[in-house]
Structure formats: C-alpha cells, structure tokens
C-alpha cells in the first residue's frame, strides 16, 4: 500500500467515508476500510482525526449539515474560529431566503442519506452552523418575530427539514413512493404551511 499521503486532507477523507457509508451503511465504515479506499494506512487518517471514529463522525455530520452547496470540512479547533468579514446583506424576502436554505439543506441530506443518523445524535458547532443561525435569525426577525420566538421558529424549521427527509428516505422503496418532483412538491407544501404558521 502506498505511503505517499500527499493530497490526503480532511475533506477527502470525509468524502470517501460518505462513499463507503452510501454503499455499506454506517456500520460498514471502519478506519481500515477507509484507509484501503484512500490507498493509505489507517494511521494516516488518525493524523487528521486523532480521536478516531467519533471525531470523524462529528466531521461528517458537520459536512452534511453545511448550508454551503459544496460543504465544508472544518479543521480541528474551528469551533472557535475567528469571525470572517460580514457577508453582504441578503435583501430578498425573508421566506425566499429560508426556502433557499431549506432546499439546499434537504438536497444535501438526500445526497448523503446514509449518514442521516449522525445528524440525529450530533449537532456540530462550526462556522457554517453559526452562518445558518444568523441567516435564520435575520429572516425570522424580518418576518416580525422577536426574542425567543425567533429561536423557536428556527428549531421548528430545522426539525421539519430533517423529519421530511427521514420520511422520504424511509419510504423510498415503497410501491407508491413519489418520484423526486412530487416529493419536492410535498416538501414545499409543508414548508409554506410551516412558515405561514410560524409568522
């Protein structure tokens, strides 16, 4: 097996781990199997994830939950990363902003549905999760909510998105399972009802 670890990064490890999870399920992921897939020794993975599989699982959860279309693989210690320059304020209607976020979040969870159980048990705190909280806070504030109602609304939106994807994945093999266009339409129907009810 090659000992050339050049090009081995946290993101490459996470992406390959997701490929294994997709084919073998979460239980099929081991450091040895991951090393074989990456053509490195398992110890090379521990260089990036010294705490082992649990640290890797946390990083996978953060990657899947990223609001960015390309995902992120934060380095160790990024939970307390310095704030970056403030992004340009999004002036679109509040419901458009939240719908775009929900669509992106849903698409990523569906793409990596084998790792959904990690999101149930882990809530990684990363710069991306901070960005999501800021987006929701601004949007729900623009919708007229204040104080704890903003936090409650954000929790409700998160819960709806995860629950909708879990429901779709759970019933994907049913004889009467909807195609993706219909599943998306049902998701948007529920999302519109939720946003109206919250505000």
Protein backbone atom coordinates (compact mmCIF):
# COMPACT_ATOMS: atom_id res chain seq x y z
CA UNK A 1 0.00 0.00 0.00
CA UNK A 2 1.29 3.46 -0.84
CA UNK A 3 2.80 5.51 1.95
CA UNK A 4 2.51 8.72 -0.05
CA UNK A 5 0.00 10.77 1.92
CA UNK A 6 0.33 13.89 -0.23
CA UNK A 7 -3.09 15.26 -1.01
CA UNK A 8 -4.75 13.49 1.90
CA UNK A 9 -6.99 16.07 3.53
CA UNK A 10 -9.87 16.09 5.98
CA UNK A 11 -12.32 16.79 3.16
CA UNK A 12 -11.00 13.94 1.01
CA UNK A 13 -11.31 11.58 3.98
CA UNK A 14 -14.86 12.74 4.71
CA UNK A 15 -16.00 12.41 1.09
CA UNK A 16 -14.55 8.89 0.81
CA UNK A 17 -16.16 7.95 4.13
CA UNK A 18 -19.50 9.10 2.74
CA UNK A 19 -18.98 6.92 -0.34
CA UNK A 20 -18.43 3.92 1.92
CA UNK A 21 -21.48 4.78 4.02
CA UNK A 22 -23.55 5.08 0.85
CA UNK A 23 -22.56 1.60 -0.29
CA UNK A 24 -22.23 -0.29 3.00
CA UNK A 25 -24.15 1.72 5.55
CA UNK A 26 -22.81 3.46 8.62
CA UNK A 27 -21.87 0.15 10.23
CA UNK A 28 -19.69 -0.68 7.24
CA UNK A 29 -17.32 2.23 7.84
CA UNK A 30 -14.06 1.34 9.56
CA UNK A 31 -10.74 3.14 9.62
CA UNK A 32 -9.08 0.17 7.91
CA UNK A 33 -11.66 0.07 5.12
CA UNK A 34 -11.41 3.84 4.74
CA UNK A 35 -7.62 3.60 4.53
CA UNK A 36 -7.90 0.91 1.85
CA UNK A 37 -10.25 3.10 -0.18
CA UNK A 38 -7.88 6.06 0.12
CA UNK A 39 -4.84 3.83 -0.54
CA UNK A 40 -3.16 4.88 2.69
CA UNK A 41 -2.52 3.19 6.00
CA UNK A 42 -5.23 3.71 8.60
CA UNK A 43 -2.80 5.61 10.80
CA UNK A 44 -2.65 8.36 8.17
CA UNK A 45 -6.33 9.03 8.85
CA UNK A 46 -5.62 9.38 12.56
CA UNK A 47 -3.23 12.21 11.70
CA UNK A 48 -6.31 14.21 10.65
CA UNK A 49 -8.70 12.64 13.18
CA UNK A 50 -6.56 11.76 16.22
CA UNK A 51 -9.61 10.99 18.38
CA UNK A 52 -10.73 8.29 15.95
CA UNK A 53 -14.08 7.38 14.51
CA UNK A 54 -16.19 9.58 16.81
CA UNK A 55 -14.26 12.66 15.69
CA UNK A 56 -14.68 11.55 12.08
CA UNK A 57 -18.42 11.07 12.62
CA UNK A 58 -18.68 14.62 14.01
CA UNK A 59 -16.87 15.97 10.96
CA UNK A 60 -19.14 14.01 8.61
CA UNK A 61 -22.21 15.41 10.38
CA UNK A 62 -20.82 18.94 10.02
CA UNK A 63 -20.13 18.35 6.33
CA UNK A 64 -23.60 17.01 5.59
CA UNK A 65 -25.29 19.76 7.61
CA UNK A 66 -23.34 22.53 5.90
CA UNK A 67 -25.54 25.19 4.29
CA UNK A 68 -22.93 25.54 1.55
CA UNK A 69 -23.75 23.65 -1.68
CA UNK A 70 -20.18 22.27 -1.68
CA UNK A 71 -20.00 21.50 2.01
CA UNK A 72 -17.14 22.23 4.38
CA UNK A 73 -14.68 20.14 6.31
CA UNK A 74 -13.62 22.36 9.22
CA UNK A 75 -10.21 21.76 10.72
CA UNK A 76 -9.64 20.90 14.37
CA UNK A 77 -10.44 23.80 16.65
CA UNK A 78 -12.59 25.67 14.16
CA UNK A 79 -15.48 25.71 16.61
CA UNK A 80 -13.93 28.86 17.95
CA UNK A 81 -12.71 30.22 14.63
CA UNK A 82 -12.36 33.94 14.27
CA UNK A 83 -15.25 35.66 12.61
CA UNK A 84 -14.83 36.40 8.95
CA UNK A 85 -15.82 39.64 7.31
CA UNK A 86 -19.56 40.11 7.38
CA UNK A 87 -21.26 38.91 4.23
CA UNK A 88 -23.36 41.22 2.12
CA UNK A 89 -26.87 41.52 3.49
CA UNK A 90 -29.39 39.41 1.57
CA UNK A 91 -32.27 41.73 0.70
CA UNK A 92 -34.57 39.09 -0.78
CA UNK A 93 -37.88 38.43 1.00
CA UNK A 94 -37.44 36.50 4.24
CA UNK A 95 -39.41 33.49 3.06
CA UNK A 96 -37.36 33.23 -0.14
CA UNK A 97 -34.15 33.16 1.91
CA UNK A 98 -35.47 30.44 4.19
CA UNK A 99 -36.85 28.40 1.29
CA UNK A 100 -33.49 28.52 -0.48
CA UNK A 101 -31.76 27.37 2.70
CA UNK A 102 -34.28 24.58 3.23
CA UNK A 103 -33.92 23.39 -0.38
CA UNK A 104 -30.13 23.26 -0.07
CA UNK A 105 -30.25 21.53 3.30
CA UNK A 106 -32.76 18.97 2.02
CA UNK A 107 -30.69 18.25 -1.10
CA UNK A 108 -27.53 17.64 0.92
CA UNK A 109 -29.30 15.33 3.37
CA UNK A 110 -30.80 13.34 0.49
CA UNK A 111 -27.42 13.13 -1.23
CA UNK A 112 -25.85 11.71 1.94
CA UNK A 113 -28.88 9.92 3.36
CA UNK A 114 -26.76 7.07 4.69
CA UNK A 115 -25.34 9.49 7.26
CA UNK A 116 -28.70 10.84 8.43
CA UNK A 117 -28.50 9.03 11.75
CA UNK A 118 -25.38 11.05 12.59
CA UNK A 119 -27.43 14.26 12.40
CA UNK A 120 -29.93 12.84 14.87
CA UNK A 121 -27.28 12.39 17.55
CA UNK A 122 -24.87 15.21 16.72
CA UNK A 123 -25.24 18.97 16.42
CA UNK A 124 -21.80 20.16 15.33
CA UNK A 125 -20.90 23.75 16.17
CA UNK A 126 -18.97 25.14 13.21
CA UNK A 127 -18.69 28.42 11.31
CA UNK A 128 -21.32 27.03 8.94
CA UNK A 129 -23.77 26.34 11.76
CA UNK A 130 -23.17 29.87 13.00
CA UNK A 131 -23.95 31.16 9.50
CA UNK A 132 -27.19 29.18 9.46
CA UNK A 133 -28.26 30.59 12.81
CA UNK A 134 -27.51 34.12 11.61
CA UNK A 135 -29.46 33.59 8.38
CA UNK A 136 -32.50 32.28 10.26
CA UNK A 137 -32.32 35.00 12.90
CA UNK A 138 -32.30 37.75 10.28
CA UNK A 139 -35.04 36.13 8.20
CA UNK A 140 -37.43 35.44 11.07
CA UNK A 141 -36.75 38.88 12.53
CA UNK A 142 -37.62 40.39 9.17
CA UNK A 143 -40.82 38.34 9.28
CA UNK A 144 -41.77 40.13 12.50
CA UNK A 145 -40.75 37.62 15.17
CA UNK A 146 -38.84 38.70 18.27
CA UNK A 147 -36.97 37.19 21.20
CA UNK A 148 -37.46 33.51 21.93
CA UNK A 149 -39.94 33.17 19.09
CA UNK A 150 -37.04 33.52 16.64
CA UNK A 151 -35.22 30.61 18.29
CA UNK A 152 -38.39 28.51 18.39
CA UNK A 153 -39.10 29.18 14.73
CA UNK A 154 -35.56 28.20 13.74
CA UNK A 155 -35.88 24.97 15.73
CA UNK A 156 -39.19 24.21 14.04
CA UNK A 157 -37.71 24.78 10.57
CA UNK A 158 -34.70 22.56 11.30
CA UNK A 159 -36.97 19.84 12.66
CA UNK A 160 -39.28 19.98 9.65
CA UNK A 161 -36.42 19.66 7.16
CA UNK A 162 -34.81 16.71 8.91
CA UNK A 163 -38.14 14.99 9.50
CA UNK A 164 -39.26 15.43 5.91
CA UNK A 165 -36.05 13.90 4.57
CA UNK A 166 -36.15 11.00 7.04
CA UNK A 167 -39.76 10.30 5.99
CA UNK A 168 -38.84 10.39 2.29
CA UNK A 169 -35.82 8.11 2.72
CA UNK A 170 -37.71 5.69 4.97
CA UNK A 171 -40.44 5.20 2.36
CA UNK A 172 -38.26 5.44 -0.76
CA UNK A 173 -38.74 1.75 -1.58
CA UNK A 174 -42.50 1.73 -1.08
CA UNK A 175 -44.52 0.74 -4.12
CA UNK A 176 -46.37 4.05 -4.09
CA UNK A 177 -43.35 6.22 -3.21
CA UNK A 178 -43.49 9.56 -5.06
CA UNK A 179 -40.88 10.50 -7.62
CA UNK A 180 -38.48 13.31 -6.76
CA UNK A 181 -40.60 16.02 -8.40
CA UNK A 182 -43.62 15.03 -6.32
CA UNK A 183 -41.52 14.61 -3.17
CA UNK A 184 -40.15 18.12 -3.65
CA UNK A 185 -43.66 19.48 -4.22
CA UNK A 186 -44.85 17.87 -0.97
CA UNK A 187 -41.83 19.29 0.86
CA UNK A 188 -42.60 22.80 -0.41
CA UNK A 189 -46.29 22.48 0.51
CA UNK A 190 -45.39 21.61 4.08
CA UNK A 191 -42.67 24.27 4.19
CA UNK A 192 -45.05 27.03 3.08
CA UNK A 193 -47.61 25.92 5.67
CA UNK A 194 -44.95 25.89 8.38
CA UNK A 195 -43.63 29.35 7.54
CA UNK A 196 -47.15 30.79 7.43
CA UNK A 197 -47.97 29.21 10.77
CA UNK A 198 -44.80 30.48 12.41
CA UNK A 199 -45.35 34.07 11.36
